[in-house]
C-alpha atoms as a PDB file:
ATOM      1  CA  MET A   1      -6.228  27.077  23.564  1.00  0.00           C
ATOM      2  CA  LEU A   2      -8.141  30.369  23.516  1.00  0.00           C
ATOM      3  CA  LEU A   3      -8.357  30.299  27.295  1.00  0.00           C
ATOM      4  CA  THR A   4      -4.599  29.853  27.513  1.00  0.00           C
ATOM      5  CA  ILE A   5      -3.993  32.805  25.197  1.00  0.00           C
ATOM      6  CA  SER A   6      -6.543  34.889  27.082  1.00  0.00           C
ATOM      7  CA  ALA A   7      -4.931  34.054  30.413  1.00  0.00           C
ATOM      8  CA  ARG A   8      -1.488  34.963  29.099  1.00  0.00           C
ATOM      9  CA  LEU A   9      -2.712  38.286  27.707  1.00  0.00           C
ATOM     10  CA  ARG A  10      -4.461  39.104  30.961  1.00  0.00           C
ATOM     11  CA  ALA A  11      -1.372  38.232  32.995  1.00  0.00           C
ATOM     12  CA  GLN A  12       0.778  40.399  30.717  1.00  0.00           C
ATOM     13  CA  PHE A  13      -1.656  43.318  31.021  1.00  0.00           C
ATOM     14  CA  GLU A  14      -1.767  42.995  34.802  1.00  0.00           C
ATOM     15  CA  SER A  15       2.017  42.889  35.106  1.00  0.00           C
ATOM     16  CA  ASP A  16       2.376  45.881  32.766  1.00  0.00           C
ATOM     17  CA  LEU A  17      -0.179  47.835  34.801  1.00  0.00           C
ATOM     18  CA  LEU A  18       1.498  46.912  38.070  1.00  0.00           C
ATOM     19  CA  SER A  19       4.882  47.894  36.667  1.00  0.00           C
ATOM     20  CA  PHE A  20       3.510  51.256  35.544  1.00  0.00           C
ATOM     21  CA  ILE A  21       1.911  51.963  38.892  1.00  0.00           C
ATOM     22  CA  LEU A  22       4.928  50.921  40.945  1.00  0.00           C
ATOM     23  CA  PHE A  23       7.668  52.477  38.879  1.00  0.00           C
ATOM     24  CA  ASP A  24       6.180  55.581  37.282  1.00  0.00           C
ATOM     25  CA  GLY A  25       7.500  58.336  39.524  1.00  0.00           C
ATOM     26  CA  ASP A  26       4.984  60.979  38.507  1.00  0.00           C
ATOM     27  CA  PHE A  27       2.058  58.650  39.115  1.00  0.00           C
ATOM     28  CA  ALA A  28       3.426  57.564  42.487  1.00  0.00           C
ATOM     29  CA  GLN A  29       4.086  61.172  43.501  1.00  0.00           C
ATOM     30  CA  GLU A  30       0.526  62.132  42.613  1.00  0.00           C
ATOM     31  CA  LEU A  31      -0.822  59.270  44.741  1.00  0.00           C
ATOM     32  CA  ILE A  32       1.352  60.359  47.663  1.00  0.00           C
ATOM     33  CA  SER A  33       0.176  63.961  47.338  1.00  0.00           C
ATOM     34  CA  LEU A  34      -3.441  62.866  47.150  1.00  0.00           C
ATOM     35  CA  GLY A  35      -3.046  60.756  50.286  1.00  0.00           C
ATOM     36  CA  ARG A  36      -1.411  63.609  52.176  1.00  0.00           C
ATOM     37  CA  ARG A  37      -4.156  66.062  51.202  1.00  0.00           C
ATOM     38  CA  ASP A  38      -6.817  63.582  52.217  1.00  0.00           C
ATOM     39  CA  ALA A  39      -5.136  62.946  55.574  1.00  0.00           C
ATOM     40  CA  GLN A  40      -4.801  66.684  56.209  1.00  0.00           C
ATOM     41  CA  HIS A  41      -8.483  67.290  55.447  1.00  0.00           C
ATOM     42  CA  ARG A  42      -9.469  64.439  57.761  1.00  0.00           C
ATOM     43  CA  ALA A  43      -6.840  65.045  60.461  1.00  0.00           C
ATOM     44  CA  ASP A  44      -9.363  64.872  63.329  1.00  0.00           C
ATOM     45  CA  GLU A  45     -10.611  61.471  62.153  1.00  0.00           C
ATOM     46  CA  VAL A  46      -7.063  60.162  61.715  1.00  0.00           C
ATOM     47  CA  LEU A  47      -6.030  61.299  65.196  1.00  0.00           C
ATOM     48  CA  SER A  48      -9.167  59.808  66.703  1.00  0.00           C
ATOM     49  CA  PHE A  49      -8.543  56.500  64.961  1.00  0.00           C
ATOM     50  CA  PHE A  50      -4.992  56.194  66.261  1.00  0.00           C
ATOM     51  CA  SER A  51      -5.806  57.362  69.787  1.00  0.00           C
ATOM     52  CA  GLU A  52      -8.402  54.637  70.415  1.00  0.00           C
END
């Protein structure tokens, strides 16, 4: 029974976390900005990767 409760709590936590990550606009925007900055700083590596 404890394992069942634990599994349900974990599943609820994971779905809440996923919901937050996917639907929180500010969080998503920050991730997008971070990815863009990273790609800009590593532009030569990105171009090399896609040109091979």
